[in-house]
Every structure is written in structure tokens, then in C-alpha cells.
């Protein structure tokens, strides 16, 4: 399929890297870091929150929580200029 890109993100690794660098992150920071839309970045942060890696601090910012255990992957599909959340793969 032309224009389709699949990216898999290890959320545990992403959260660990973010936690080492700073205590709070915004949706726009994650969007820039991952090269995705702010909507998709918000979904990534919401998933980190549901897994216990982050806590919502304000409308667009999240507090990163101390190290944790467990792993999950988040699959994103980028179709041309639009990026959409597809599903979470549990291992």
C-alpha cells in the first residue's frame, strides 16, 4: 500500500528515556520527538498514563513517574500526512 508507514514504539523504553531527561512533558514535545501529529502524541501520552508510566498534569502536559516494570508496544500507522492510532499489542 503506497504511503503507508508502520512504526512500533516500546512504551517502557520511551518512558524511561523521557524520565531520565525531565519530569514533565507536553503533547507538542512528544509530537516533535516522535515525528507525529499532536493528536497521535496525545494518544501515546494517554497510553503511557493508562500503563502507569505518566500522570496527567494539565490539559497538555504529563508528569512522568519513577521507574516501573512491564512492557507494552504501541503501533502507529502513518498514512500519507495523517497518522492514526491502530492498536496496542500486548505480549
PDB file of N, CA and C in Angstrom:
ATOM      1  N   UNK A   1       0.836  -1.169   0.000  1.00  0.00           N
ATOM      2  CA  UNK A   1       0.000   0.000   0.000  1.00  0.00           C
ATOM      3  C   UNK A   1       0.889   1.242   0.000  1.00  0.00           C
ATOM      4  N   UNK A   2       0.720   2.077  -0.969  1.00  0.00           N
ATOM      5  CA  UNK A   2       1.549   3.264  -1.118  1.00  0.00           C
ATOM      6  C   UNK A   2       1.260   4.302  -0.035  1.00  0.00           C
ATOM      7  N   UNK A   3       2.297   4.899   0.520  1.00  0.00           N
ATOM      8  CA  UNK A   3       2.144   5.941   1.519  1.00  0.00           C
ATOM      9  C   UNK A   3       1.890   5.432   2.930  1.00  0.00           C
ATOM     10  N   UNK A   4       2.063   4.144   3.156  1.00  0.00           N
ATOM     11  CA  UNK A   4       1.802   3.572   4.475  1.00  0.00           C
ATOM     12  C   UNK A   4       3.110   3.300   5.200  1.00  0.00           C
ATOM     13  N   UNK A   5       3.206   3.793   6.429  1.00  0.00           N
ATOM     14  CA  UNK A   5       4.389   3.577   7.248  1.00  0.00           C
ATOM     15  C   UNK A   5       3.932   3.037   8.588  1.00  0.00           C
ATOM     16  N   UNK A   6       4.540   1.954   9.057  1.00  0.00           N
ATOM     17  CA  UNK A   6       4.229   1.404  10.370  1.00  0.00           C
ATOM     18  C   UNK A   6       5.413   1.635  11.291  1.00  0.00           C
ATOM     19  N   UNK A   7       5.118   2.112  12.480  1.00  0.00           N
ATOM     20  CA  UNK A   7       6.150   2.383  13.468  1.00  0.00           C
ATOM     21  C   UNK A   7       5.715   1.734  14.773  1.00  0.00           C
ATOM     22  N   UNK A   8       6.606   0.973  15.394  1.00  0.00           N
ATOM     23  CA  UNK A   8       6.318   0.365  16.683  1.00  0.00           C
ATOM     24  C   UNK A   8       7.182   1.040  17.732  1.00  0.00           C
ATOM     25  N   UNK A   9       6.540   1.451  18.806  1.00  0.00           N
ATOM     26  CA  UNK A   9       7.233   2.158  19.874  1.00  0.00           C
ATOM     27  C   UNK A   9       7.174   1.319  21.136  1.00  0.00           C
ATOM     28  N   UNK A  10       8.321   1.066  21.735  1.00  0.00           N
ATOM     29  CA  UNK A  10       8.373   0.389  23.028  1.00  0.00           C
ATOM     30  C   UNK A  10       8.086   1.462  24.079  1.00  0.00           C
ATOM     31  N   UNK A  11       6.893   1.427  24.652  1.00  0.00           N
ATOM     32  CA  UNK A  11       6.490   2.481  25.581  1.00  0.00           C
ATOM     33  C   UNK A  11       7.323   2.503  26.847  1.00  0.00           C
ATOM     34  N   UNK A  12       7.759   1.353  27.307  1.00  0.00           N
ATOM     35  CA  UNK A  12       8.595   1.315  28.509  1.00  0.00           C
ATOM     36  C   UNK A  12       9.912   2.032  28.252  1.00  0.00           C
ATOM     37  N   UNK A  13      10.519   1.771  27.105  1.00  0.00           N
ATOM     38  CA  UNK A  13      11.783   2.421  26.758  1.00  0.00           C
ATOM     39  C   UNK A  13      11.584   3.925  26.559  1.00  0.00           C
ATOM     40  N   UNK A  14      10.520   4.305  25.860  1.00  0.00           N
ATOM     41  CA  UNK A  14      10.236   5.729  25.661  1.00  0.00           C
ATOM     42  C   UNK A  14      10.058   6.429  27.002  1.00  0.00           C
ATOM     43  N   UNK A  15       9.272   5.847  27.885  1.00  0.00           N
ATOM     44  CA  UNK A  15       9.029   6.447  29.195  1.00  0.00           C
ATOM     45  C   UNK A  15      10.326   6.553  29.998  1.00  0.00           C
ATOM     46  N   UNK A  16      11.167   5.537  29.928  1.00  0.00           N
ATOM     47  CA  UNK A  16      12.440   5.559  30.660  1.00  0.00           C
ATOM     48  C   UNK A  16      13.344   6.676  30.141  1.00  0.00           C
ATOM     49  N   UNK A  17      13.426   6.821  28.821  1.00  0.00           N
ATOM     50  CA  UNK A  17      14.257   7.873  28.238  1.00  0.00           C
ATOM     51  C   UNK A  17      13.726   9.257  28.598  1.00  0.00           C
ATOM     52  N   UNK A  18      12.419   9.419  28.535  1.00  0.00           N
ATOM     53  CA  UNK A  18      11.829  10.707  28.889  1.00  0.00           C
ATOM     54  C   UNK A  18      12.049  11.020  30.364  1.00  0.00           C
ATOM     55  N   UNK A  19      11.895  10.012  31.227  1.00  0.00           N
ATOM     56  CA  UNK A  19      12.045  10.216  32.662  1.00  0.00           C
ATOM     57  C   UNK A  19      13.470  10.633  33.028  1.00  0.00           C
ATOM     58  N   UNK A  20      14.458  10.091  32.320  1.00  0.00           N
ATOM     59  CA  UNK A  20      15.856  10.462  32.574  1.00  0.00           C
ATOM     60  C   UNK A  20      16.097  11.933  32.255  1.00  0.00           C
ATOM     61  N   UNK A  21      15.409  12.444  31.241  1.00  0.00           N
ATOM     62  CA  UNK A  21      15.659  13.797  30.755  1.00  0.00           C
ATOM     63  C   UNK A  21      14.874  14.876  31.498  1.00  0.00           C
ATOM     64  N   UNK A  22      13.643  14.575  31.886  1.00  0.00           N
ATOM     65  CA  UNK A  22      12.820  15.605  32.515  1.00  0.00           C
ATOM     66  C   UNK A  22      11.669  15.004  33.291  1.00  0.00           C
ATOM     67  N   UNK A  23      11.036  15.822  34.090  1.00  0.00           N
ATOM     68  CA  UNK A  23       9.944  15.357  34.948  1.00  0.00           C
ATOM     69  C   UNK A  23       8.581  15.525  34.280  1.00  0.00           C
ATOM     70  N   UNK A  24       8.427  16.544  33.435  1.00  0.00           N
ATOM     71  CA  UNK A  24       7.156  16.830  32.769  1.00  0.00           C
ATOM     72  C   UNK A  24       7.384  16.910  31.262  1.00  0.00           C
ATOM     73  N   UNK A  25       6.394  16.444  30.493  1.00  0.00           N
ATOM     74  CA  UNK A  25       6.460  16.555  29.034  1.00  0.00           C
ATOM     75  C   UNK A  25       5.115  17.049  28.522  1.00  0.00           C
ATOM     76  N   UNK A  26       5.159  17.713  27.385  1.00  0.00           N
ATOM     77  CA  UNK A  26       3.927  18.193  26.763  1.00  0.00           C
ATOM     78  C   UNK A  26       3.630  17.378  25.513  1.00  0.00           C
ATOM     79  N   UNK A  27       2.408  17.489  25.068  1.00  0.00           N
ATOM     80  CA  UNK A  27       1.982  16.801  23.854  1.00  0.00           C
ATOM     81  C   UNK A  27       2.841  17.251  22.672  1.00  0.00           C
ATOM     82  N   UNK A  28       3.101  18.545  22.569  1.00  0.00           N
ATOM     83  CA  UNK A  28       3.887  19.042  21.435  1.00  0.00           C
ATOM     84  C   UNK A  28       5.335  18.538  21.480  1.00  0.00           C
ATOM     85  N   UNK A  29       5.910  18.385  22.668  1.00  0.00           N
ATOM     86  CA  UNK A  29       7.268  17.831  22.780  1.00  0.00           C
ATOM     87  C   UNK A  29       7.312  16.391  22.258  1.00  0.00           C
ATOM     88  N   UNK A  30       6.323  15.597  22.631  1.00  0.00           N
ATOM     89  CA  UNK A  30       6.276  14.203  22.174  1.00  0.00           C
ATOM     90  C   UNK A  30       6.044  14.154  20.666  1.00  0.00           C
ATOM     91  N   UNK A  31       5.187  15.029  20.160  1.00  0.00           N
ATOM     92  CA  UNK A  31       4.922  15.076  18.717  1.00  0.00           C
ATOM     93  C   UNK A  31       6.208  15.354  17.944  1.00  0.00           C
ATOM     94  N   UNK A  32       6.980  16.334  18.417  1.00  0.00           N
ATOM     95  CA  UNK A  32       8.253  16.655  17.746  1.00  0.00           C
ATOM     96  C   UNK A  32       9.237  15.497  17.851  1.00  0.00           C
ATOM     97  N   UNK A  33       9.336  14.913  19.030  1.00  0.00           N
ATOM     98  CA  UNK A  33      10.299  13.828  19.263  1.00  0.00           C
ATOM     99  C   UNK A  33      10.003  12.599  18.393  1.00  0.00           C
ATOM    100  N   UNK A  34       8.719  12.271  18.253  1.00  0.00           N
ATOM    101  CA  UNK A  34       8.339  11.072  17.501  1.00  0.00           C
ATOM    102  C   UNK A  34       8.029  11.358  16.033  1.00  0.00           C
ATOM    103  N   UNK A  35       7.900  12.628  15.673  1.00  0.00           N
ATOM    104  CA  UNK A  35       7.585  12.981  14.287  1.00  0.00           C
ATOM    105  C   UNK A  35       6.159  12.623  13.908  1.00  0.00           C
ATOM    106  N   UNK A  36       5.239  12.808  14.854  1.00  0.00           N
ATOM    107  CA  UNK A  36       3.828  12.500  14.607  1.00  0.00           C
ATOM    108  C   UNK A  36       2.988  13.741  14.898  1.00  0.00           C
ATOM    109  N   UNK A  37       1.698  13.650  14.612  1.00  0.00           N
ATOM    110  CA  UNK A  37       0.801  14.771  14.901  1.00  0.00           C
ATOM    111  C   UNK A  37       0.605  14.905  16.410  1.00  0.00           C
ATOM    112  N   UNK A  38       0.128  16.072  16.831  1.00  0.00           N
ATOM    113  CA  UNK A  38      -0.147  16.276  18.253  1.00  0.00           C
ATOM    114  C   UNK A  38      -1.278  15.370  18.725  1.00  0.00           C
ATOM    115  N   UNK A  39      -2.214  15.070  17.850  1.00  0.00           N
ATOM    116  CA  UNK A  39      -3.302  14.156  18.208  1.00  0.00           C
ATOM    117  C   UNK A  39      -2.745  12.772  18.548  1.00  0.00           C
ATOM    118  N   UNK A  40      -1.849  12.279  17.715  1.00  0.00           N
ATOM    119  CA  UNK A  40      -1.237  10.974  17.958  1.00  0.00           C
ATOM    120  C   UNK A  40      -0.350  11.011  19.200  1.00  0.00           C
ATOM    121  N   UNK A  41       0.397  12.095  19.376  1.00  0.00           N
ATOM    122  CA  UNK A  41       1.242  12.234  20.563  1.00  0.00           C
ATOM    123  C   UNK A  41       0.387  12.216  21.829  1.00  0.00           C
ATOM    124  N   UNK A  42      -0.774  12.856  21.781  1.00  0.00           N
ATOM    125  CA  UNK A  42      -1.690  12.831  22.910  1.00  0.00           C
ATOM    126  C   UNK A  42      -2.155  11.414  23.220  1.00  0.00           C
ATOM    127  N   UNK A  43      -2.378  10.622  22.181  1.00  0.00           N
ATOM    128  CA  UNK A  43      -2.775   9.220  22.379  1.00  0.00           C
ATOM    129  C   UNK A  43      -1.642   8.407  22.992  1.00  0.00           C
ATOM    130  N   UNK A  44      -0.418   8.681  22.581  1.00  0.00           N
ATOM    131  CA  UNK A  44       0.742   7.991  23.162  1.00  0.00           C
ATOM    132  C   UNK A  44       0.839   8.326  24.651  1.00  0.00           C
ATOM    133  N   UNK A  45       0.717   9.612  24.994  1.00  0.00           N
ATOM    134  CA  UNK A  45       0.788  10.014  26.403  1.00  0.00           C
ATOM    135  C   UNK A  45      -0.376   9.445  27.211  1.00  0.00           C
ATOM    136  N   UNK A  46      -1.550   9.397  26.619  1.00  0.00           N
ATOM    137  CA  UNK A  46      -2.701   8.807  27.315  1.00  0.00           C
ATOM    138  C   UNK A  46      -2.457   7.320  27.574  1.00  0.00           C
ATOM    139  N   UNK A  47      -1.807   6.648  26.622  1.00  0.00           N
ATOM    140  CA  UNK A  47      -1.490   5.231  26.813  1.00  0.00           C
ATOM    141  C   UNK A  47      -0.432   5.067  27.901  1.00  0.00           C
ATOM    142  N   UNK A  48       0.573   5.939  27.926  1.00  0.00           N
ATOM    143  CA  UNK A  48       1.567   5.902  28.995  1.00  0.00           C
ATOM    144  C   UNK A  48       0.886   6.091  30.354  1.00  0.00           C
ATOM    145  N   UNK A  49      -0.088   6.975  30.387  1.00  0.00           N
ATOM    146  CA  UNK A  49      -0.828   7.204  31.634  1.00  0.00           C
ATOM    147  C   UNK A  49      -1.604   5.952  32.049  1.00  0.00           C
ATOM    148  N   UNK A  50      -2.273   5.317  31.098  1.00  0.00           N
ATOM    149  CA  UNK A  50      -3.061   4.122  31.432  1.00  0.00           C
ATOM    150  C   UNK A  50      -2.186   2.963  31.895  1.00  0.00           C
ATOM    151  N   UNK A  51      -0.922   2.962  31.476  1.00  0.00           N
ATOM    152  CA  UNK A  51       0.016   1.913  31.885  1.00  0.00           C
ATOM    153  C   UNK A  51       0.747   2.269  33.181  1.00  0.00           C
ATOM    154  N   UNK A  52       0.518   3.466  33.693  1.00  0.00           N
ATOM    155  CA  UNK A  52       1.142   3.875  34.946  1.00  0.00           C
ATOM    156  C   UNK A  52       2.511   4.505  34.797  1.00  0.00           C
ATOM    157  N   UNK A  53       2.898   4.886  33.577  1.00  0.00           N
ATOM    158  CA  UNK A  53       4.206   5.494  33.343  1.00  0.00           C
ATOM    159  C   UNK A  53       4.164   7.010  33.487  1.00  0.00           C
ATOM    160  N   UNK A  54       2.959   7.581  33.421  1.00  0.00           N
ATOM    161  CA  UNK A  54       2.810   9.034  33.490  1.00  0.00           C
ATOM    162  C   UNK A  54       1.475   9.363  34.150  1.00  0.00           C
ATOM    163  N   UNK A  55       1.363  10.632  34.565  1.00  0.00           N
ATOM    164  CA  UNK A  55       0.117  11.112  35.175  1.00  0.00           C
ATOM    165  C   UNK A  55      -0.194  12.453  34.534  1.00  0.00           C
ATOM    166  N   UNK A  56      -1.452  12.643  34.155  1.00  0.00           N
ATOM    167  CA  UNK A  56      -1.836  13.909  33.534  1.00  0.00           C
ATOM    168  C   UNK A  56      -1.653  15.043  34.536  1.00  0.00           C
ATOM    169  N   UNK A  57      -0.954  16.089  34.114  1.00  0.00           N
ATOM    170  CA  UNK A  57      -0.662  17.230  34.980  1.00  0.00           C
ATOM    171  C   UNK A  57      -1.579  18.413  34.647  1.00  0.00           C
ATOM    172  N   UNK A  58      -1.798  18.618  33.356  1.00  0.00           N
ATOM    173  CA  UNK A  58      -2.691  19.674  32.884  1.00  0.00           C
ATOM    174  C   UNK A  58      -3.270  19.228  31.547  1.00  0.00           C
ATOM    175  N   UNK A  59      -3.984  20.120  30.890  1.00  0.00           N
ATOM    176  CA  UNK A  59      -4.622  19.776  29.619  1.00  0.00           C
ATOM    177  C   UNK A  59      -3.635  19.219  28.593  1.00  0.00           C
ATOM    178  N   UNK A  60      -2.421  19.758  28.523  1.00  0.00           N
ATOM    179  CA  UNK A  60      -1.459  19.324  27.512  1.00  0.00           C
ATOM    180  C   UNK A  60      -0.141  18.821  28.079  1.00  0.00           C
ATOM    181  N   UNK A  61      -0.049  18.664  29.375  1.00  0.00           N
ATOM    182  CA  UNK A  61       1.214  18.215  29.975  1.00  0.00           C
ATOM    183  C   UNK A  61       0.991  16.989  30.868  1.00  0.00           C
ATOM    184  N   UNK A  62       2.024  16.156  30.930  1.00  0.00           N
ATOM    185  CA  UNK A  62       2.002  14.954  31.752  1.00  0.00           C
ATOM    186  C   UNK A  62       3.230  14.921  32.638  1.00  0.00           C
ATOM    187  N   UNK A  63       3.058  14.434  33.855  1.00  0.00           N
ATOM    188  CA  UNK A  63       4.176  14.206  34.769  1.00  0.00           C
ATOM    189  C   UNK A  63       4.644  12.775  34.569  1.00  0.00           C
ATOM    190  N   UNK A  64       5.931  12.602  34.381  1.00  0.00           N
ATOM    191  CA  UNK A  64       6.495  11.260  34.228  1.00  0.00           C
ATOM    192  C   UNK A  64       6.726  10.670  35.608  1.00  0.00           C
ATOM    193  N   UNK A  65       6.402   9.394  35.767  1.00  0.00           N
ATOM    194  CA  UNK A  65       6.517   8.731  37.061  1.00  0.00           C
ATOM    195  C   UNK A  65       7.814   7.947  37.146  1.00  0.00           C
ATOM    196  N   UNK A  66       8.273   7.648  38.353  1.00  0.00           N
ATOM    197  CA  UNK A  66       9.530   6.907  38.546  1.00  0.00           C
ATOM    198  C   UNK A  66       9.526   5.560  37.830  1.00  0.00           C
ATOM    199  N   UNK A  67      10.702   4.942  37.723  1.00  0.00           N
ATOM    200  CA  UNK A  67      10.820   3.669  37.008  1.00  0.00           C
ATOM    201  C   UNK A  67       9.773   2.635  37.435  1.00  0.00           C
ATOM    202  N   UNK A  68       9.460   1.773  36.545  1.00  0.00           N
ATOM    203  CA  UNK A  68       8.380   0.798  36.657  1.00  0.00           C
ATOM    204  C   UNK A  68       8.795  -0.534  36.074  1.00  0.00           C
ATOM    205  N   UNK A  69       7.867  -1.460  36.040  1.00  0.00           N
ATOM    206  CA  UNK A  69       8.099  -2.761  35.409  1.00  0.00           C
ATOM    207  C   UNK A  69       6.999  -3.004  34.398  1.00  0.00           C
ATOM    208  N   UNK A  70       7.239  -3.922  33.476  1.00  0.00           N
ATOM    209  CA  UNK A  70       6.247  -4.233  32.457  1.00  0.00           C
ATOM    210  C   UNK A  70       6.638  -3.619  31.136  1.00  0.00           C
ATOM    211  N   UNK A  71       6.050  -4.113  30.091  1.00  0.00           N
ATOM    212  CA  UNK A  71       6.365  -3.615  28.765  1.00  0.00           C
ATOM    213  C   UNK A  71       5.132  -3.682  27.890  1.00  0.00           C
ATOM    214  N   UNK A  72       5.056  -2.790  26.961  1.00  0.00           N
ATOM    215  CA  UNK A  72       3.953  -2.757  26.025  1.00  0.00           C
ATOM    216  C   UNK A  72       4.458  -2.074  24.770  1.00  0.00           C
ATOM    217  N   UNK A  73       3.784  -2.318  23.686  1.00  0.00           N
ATOM    218  CA  UNK A  73       4.161  -1.663  22.443  1.00  0.00           C
ATOM    219  C   UNK A  73       2.949  -0.949  21.883  1.00  0.00           C
ATOM    220  N   UNK A  74       3.194   0.110  21.217  1.00  0.00           N
ATOM    221  CA  UNK A  74       2.139   0.929  20.651  1.00  0.00           C
ATOM    222  C   UNK A  74       2.414   1.001  19.162  1.00  0.00           C
ATOM    223  N   UNK A  75       1.466   0.623  18.357  1.00  0.00           N
ATOM    224  CA  UNK A  75       1.657   0.624  16.921  1.00  0.00           C
ATOM    225  C   UNK A  75       0.954   1.827  16.319  1.00  0.00           C
ATOM    226  N   UNK A  76       1.673   2.529  15.503  1.00  0.00           N
ATOM    227  CA  UNK A  76       1.122   3.691  14.821  1.00  0.00           C
ATOM    228  C   UNK A  76       1.155   3.453  13.321  1.00  0.00           C
ATOM    229  N   UNK A  77       0.151   3.904  12.642  1.00  0.00           N
ATOM    230  CA  UNK A  77       0.160   3.849  11.183  1.00  0.00           C
ATOM    231  C   UNK A  77       0.111   5.279  10.672  1.00  0.00           C
ATOM    232  N   UNK A  78       1.040   5.602   9.813  1.00  0.00           N
ATOM    233  CA  UNK A  78       1.048   6.927   9.199  1.00  0.00           C
ATOM    234  C   UNK A  78       0.617   6.757   7.745  1.00  0.00           C
ATOM    235  N   UNK A  79      -0.478   7.310   7.377  1.00  0.00           N
ATOM    236  CA  UNK A  79      -0.978   7.219   6.018  1.00  0.00           C
ATOM    237  C   UNK A  79      -0.859   8.606   5.405  1.00  0.00           C
ATOM    238  N   UNK A  80       0.069   8.726   4.458  1.00  0.00           N
ATOM    239  CA  UNK A  80       0.399   9.999   3.841  1.00  0.00           C
ATOM    240  C   UNK A  80       0.695  11.022   4.926  1.00  0.00           C
ATOM    241  N   UNK A  81      -0.112  12.076   5.087  1.00  0.00           N
ATOM    242  CA  UNK A  81       0.175  13.088   6.094  1.00  0.00           C
ATOM    243  C   UNK A  81      -0.613  12.875   7.371  1.00  0.00           C
ATOM    244  N   UNK A  82      -1.516  11.925   7.378  1.00  0.00           N
ATOM    245  CA  UNK A  82      -2.340  11.678   8.556  1.00  0.00           C
ATOM    246  C   UNK A  82      -1.789  10.481   9.316  1.00  0.00           C
ATOM    247  N   UNK A  83      -1.741  10.579  10.625  1.00  0.00           N
ATOM    248  CA  UNK A  83      -1.253   9.492  11.463  1.00  0.00           C
ATOM    249  C   UNK A  83      -2.390   9.069  12.370  1.00  0.00           C
ATOM    250  N   UNK A  84      -2.596   7.759  12.465  1.00  0.00           N
ATOM    251  CA  UNK A  84      -3.702   7.273  13.289  1.00  0.00           C
ATOM    252  C   UNK A  84      -3.228   6.159  14.207  1.00  0.00           C
ATOM    253  N   UNK A  85      -3.803   6.094  15.386  1.00  0.00           N
ATOM    254  CA  UNK A  85      -3.524   5.025  16.348  1.00  0.00           C
ATOM    255  C   UNK A  85      -4.240   3.773  15.848  1.00  0.00           C
ATOM    256  N   UNK A  86      -3.563   2.648  15.794  1.00  0.00           N
ATOM    257  CA  UNK A  86      -4.232   1.438  15.337  1.00  0.00           C
ATOM    258  C   UNK A  86      -4.605   0.532  16.482  1.00  0.00           C
ATOM    259  N   UNK A  87      -3.642   0.005  17.199  1.00  0.00           N
ATOM    260  CA  UNK A  87      -3.961  -0.890  18.306  1.00  0.00           C
ATOM    261  C   UNK A  87      -2.754  -1.083  19.192  1.00  0.00           C
ATOM    262  N   UNK A  88      -2.985  -1.654  20.347  1.00  0.00           N
ATOM    263  CA  UNK A  88      -1.914  -1.960  21.281  1.00  0.00           C
ATOM    264  C   UNK A  88      -1.681  -3.449  21.236  1.00  0.00           C
ATOM    265  N   UNK A  89      -0.436  -3.842  21.176  1.00  0.00           N
ATOM    266  CA  UNK A  89      -0.076  -5.256  21.143  1.00  0.00           C
ATOM    267  C   UNK A  89       0.462  -5.652  22.506  1.00  0.00           C
ATOM    268  N   UNK A  90      -0.238  -6.511  23.203  1.00  0.00           N
ATOM    269  CA  UNK A  90       0.230  -6.989  24.497  1.00  0.00           C
ATOM    270  C   UNK A  90       0.998  -8.276  24.309  1.00  0.00           C
ATOM    271  N   UNK A  91       2.104  -8.396  24.987  1.00  0.00           N
ATOM    272  CA  UNK A  91       2.915  -9.620  24.899  1.00  0.00           C
ATOM    273  C   UNK A  91       2.735 -10.425  26.133  1.00  0.00           C
TER     274      UNK A  91
END
